[in-house]
């Protein structure tokens, strides 16, 4: 199951830098995860300072 970034995102980019498959990009007001690319490794959730990424 892919991860999704909640509205708690502060657009710091920490998650995108840690994603091993480059599934995270800057969206409109927050970062977004491409569900088709995401491998559900959890690297983004482990690095986010506000806990915005979570499994859908």
N, C-alpha and C. Protein backbone atom coordinates (compact mmCIF):
# COMPACT_ATOMS: atom_id res chain seq x y z
N UNK A 1 0.84 -1.18 0.00
CA UNK A 1 0.00 0.00 0.00
C UNK A 1 0.89 1.24 0.00
N UNK A 2 0.62 2.17 -0.87
CA UNK A 2 1.42 3.38 -1.01
C UNK A 2 1.22 4.34 0.16
N UNK A 3 2.22 5.18 0.36
CA UNK A 3 2.11 6.23 1.37
C UNK A 3 1.43 7.44 0.76
N UNK A 4 0.85 8.27 1.61
CA UNK A 4 0.20 9.50 1.19
C UNK A 4 0.62 10.60 2.17
N UNK A 5 0.73 11.82 1.69
CA UNK A 5 1.15 12.94 2.53
C UNK A 5 -0.09 13.76 2.91
N UNK A 6 -0.27 13.96 4.21
CA UNK A 6 -1.44 14.70 4.71
C UNK A 6 -1.25 16.21 4.55
N UNK A 7 -2.29 16.93 4.88
CA UNK A 7 -2.26 18.39 4.82
C UNK A 7 -1.36 18.99 5.90
N UNK A 8 -0.83 18.15 6.80
CA UNK A 8 0.09 18.63 7.82
C UNK A 8 1.46 18.99 7.23
N UNK A 9 1.69 18.61 5.97
CA UNK A 9 2.96 18.86 5.29
C UNK A 9 3.36 20.33 5.34
N UNK A 10 4.63 20.58 5.69
CA UNK A 10 5.14 21.95 5.76
C UNK A 10 6.06 22.27 4.59
N UNK A 11 6.07 21.40 3.58
CA UNK A 11 6.85 21.59 2.35
C UNK A 11 8.35 21.80 2.60
N UNK A 12 8.90 21.03 3.53
CA UNK A 12 10.33 21.18 3.83
C UNK A 12 11.21 20.39 2.86
N UNK A 13 10.63 19.34 2.24
CA UNK A 13 11.37 18.54 1.28
C UNK A 13 12.19 17.41 1.86
N UNK A 14 12.17 17.23 3.17
CA UNK A 14 12.95 16.16 3.80
C UNK A 14 12.55 14.79 3.27
N UNK A 15 11.27 14.58 3.05
CA UNK A 15 10.79 13.28 2.57
C UNK A 15 11.27 13.00 1.15
N UNK A 16 11.23 13.98 0.30
CA UNK A 16 11.65 13.81 -1.09
C UNK A 16 13.12 13.43 -1.17
N UNK A 17 13.93 14.02 -0.32
CA UNK A 17 15.36 13.74 -0.31
C UNK A 17 15.66 12.31 0.11
N UNK A 18 14.79 11.70 0.92
CA UNK A 18 15.02 10.35 1.43
C UNK A 18 14.38 9.25 0.58
N UNK A 19 13.49 9.59 -0.34
CA UNK A 19 12.79 8.58 -1.12
C UNK A 19 13.74 7.87 -2.09
N UNK A 20 13.90 6.54 -1.95
CA UNK A 20 14.85 5.82 -2.80
C UNK A 20 14.40 5.63 -4.25
N UNK A 21 13.10 5.84 -4.51
CA UNK A 21 12.59 5.65 -5.88
C UNK A 21 12.08 6.96 -6.49
N UNK A 22 12.37 8.08 -5.84
CA UNK A 22 11.97 9.41 -6.33
C UNK A 22 10.47 9.50 -6.63
N UNK A 23 9.65 8.99 -5.71
CA UNK A 23 8.20 9.01 -5.88
C UNK A 23 7.57 10.29 -5.35
N UNK A 24 8.36 11.15 -4.72
CA UNK A 24 7.82 12.34 -4.05
C UNK A 24 8.23 13.59 -4.81
N UNK A 25 7.25 14.45 -5.06
CA UNK A 25 7.51 15.72 -5.74
C UNK A 25 6.71 16.83 -5.07
N UNK A 26 7.11 18.06 -5.35
CA UNK A 26 6.42 19.20 -4.77
C UNK A 26 5.13 19.44 -5.53
N UNK A 27 4.03 19.45 -4.79
CA UNK A 27 2.72 19.69 -5.38
C UNK A 27 2.24 21.09 -5.07
N UNK A 28 0.97 21.28 -5.12
CA UNK A 28 0.36 22.59 -4.87
C UNK A 28 0.18 22.79 -3.36
N UNK A 29 1.17 23.42 -2.73
CA UNK A 29 1.09 23.72 -1.31
C UNK A 29 1.62 22.64 -0.39
N UNK A 30 1.90 21.46 -0.91
CA UNK A 30 2.49 20.38 -0.12
C UNK A 30 3.15 19.39 -1.08
N UNK A 31 3.95 18.50 -0.52
CA UNK A 31 4.57 17.46 -1.34
C UNK A 31 3.56 16.34 -1.57
N UNK A 32 3.71 15.63 -2.68
CA UNK A 32 2.81 14.54 -3.03
C UNK A 32 3.62 13.30 -3.39
N UNK A 33 3.00 12.13 -3.19
CA UNK A 33 3.65 10.86 -3.50
C UNK A 33 2.91 10.20 -4.66
N UNK A 34 3.67 9.79 -5.67
CA UNK A 34 3.11 9.05 -6.80
C UNK A 34 2.89 7.61 -6.34
N UNK A 35 1.63 7.22 -6.17
CA UNK A 35 1.28 5.91 -5.64
C UNK A 35 1.78 4.77 -6.52
N UNK A 36 1.89 5.00 -7.82
CA UNK A 36 2.36 3.95 -8.73
C UNK A 36 3.86 3.70 -8.60
N UNK A 37 4.60 4.71 -8.12
CA UNK A 37 6.04 4.59 -7.98
C UNK A 37 6.44 4.18 -6.57
N UNK A 38 5.66 4.57 -5.58
CA UNK A 38 5.94 4.31 -4.17
C UNK A 38 6.08 2.80 -3.90
N UNK A 39 7.14 2.43 -3.16
CA UNK A 39 7.37 1.03 -2.81
C UNK A 39 7.04 0.75 -1.33
N UNK A 40 6.41 1.70 -0.66
CA UNK A 40 5.96 1.56 0.73
C UNK A 40 7.09 1.21 1.70
N UNK A 41 8.25 1.81 1.49
CA UNK A 41 9.39 1.51 2.36
C UNK A 41 9.35 2.27 3.69
N UNK A 42 8.65 3.40 3.72
CA UNK A 42 8.53 4.18 4.95
C UNK A 42 9.66 5.16 5.21
N UNK A 43 10.60 5.30 4.29
CA UNK A 43 11.71 6.23 4.49
C UNK A 43 11.21 7.66 4.67
N UNK A 44 10.18 8.02 3.94
CA UNK A 44 9.63 9.38 4.03
C UNK A 44 9.03 9.64 5.41
N UNK A 45 8.29 8.67 5.92
CA UNK A 45 7.66 8.83 7.24
C UNK A 45 8.70 8.95 8.34
N UNK A 46 9.81 8.25 8.18
CA UNK A 46 10.86 8.28 9.19
C UNK A 46 11.62 9.58 9.26
N UNK A 47 11.59 10.36 8.21
CA UNK A 47 12.37 11.60 8.17
C UNK A 47 11.51 12.86 8.31
N UNK A 48 10.21 12.74 8.18
CA UNK A 48 9.32 13.91 8.23
C UNK A 48 9.22 14.49 9.64
N UNK A 49 9.50 15.79 9.81
CA UNK A 49 9.46 16.39 11.14
C UNK A 49 8.05 16.57 11.70
N UNK A 50 7.02 16.49 10.85
CA UNK A 50 5.65 16.66 11.34
C UNK A 50 4.79 15.41 11.15
N UNK A 51 5.38 14.32 10.67
CA UNK A 51 4.65 13.07 10.53
C UNK A 51 3.58 13.07 9.46
N UNK A 52 3.78 13.85 8.40
CA UNK A 52 2.76 13.97 7.35
C UNK A 52 2.57 12.71 6.50
N UNK A 53 3.63 11.98 6.14
CA UNK A 53 3.43 10.77 5.33
C UNK A 53 2.89 9.60 6.17
N UNK A 54 1.92 8.90 5.63
CA UNK A 54 1.40 7.70 6.30
C UNK A 54 0.88 6.76 5.24
N UNK A 55 0.74 5.48 5.60
CA UNK A 55 0.21 4.50 4.65
C UNK A 55 -1.27 4.71 4.46
N UNK A 56 -1.71 4.61 3.21
CA UNK A 56 -3.14 4.79 2.90
C UNK A 56 -3.94 3.63 3.41
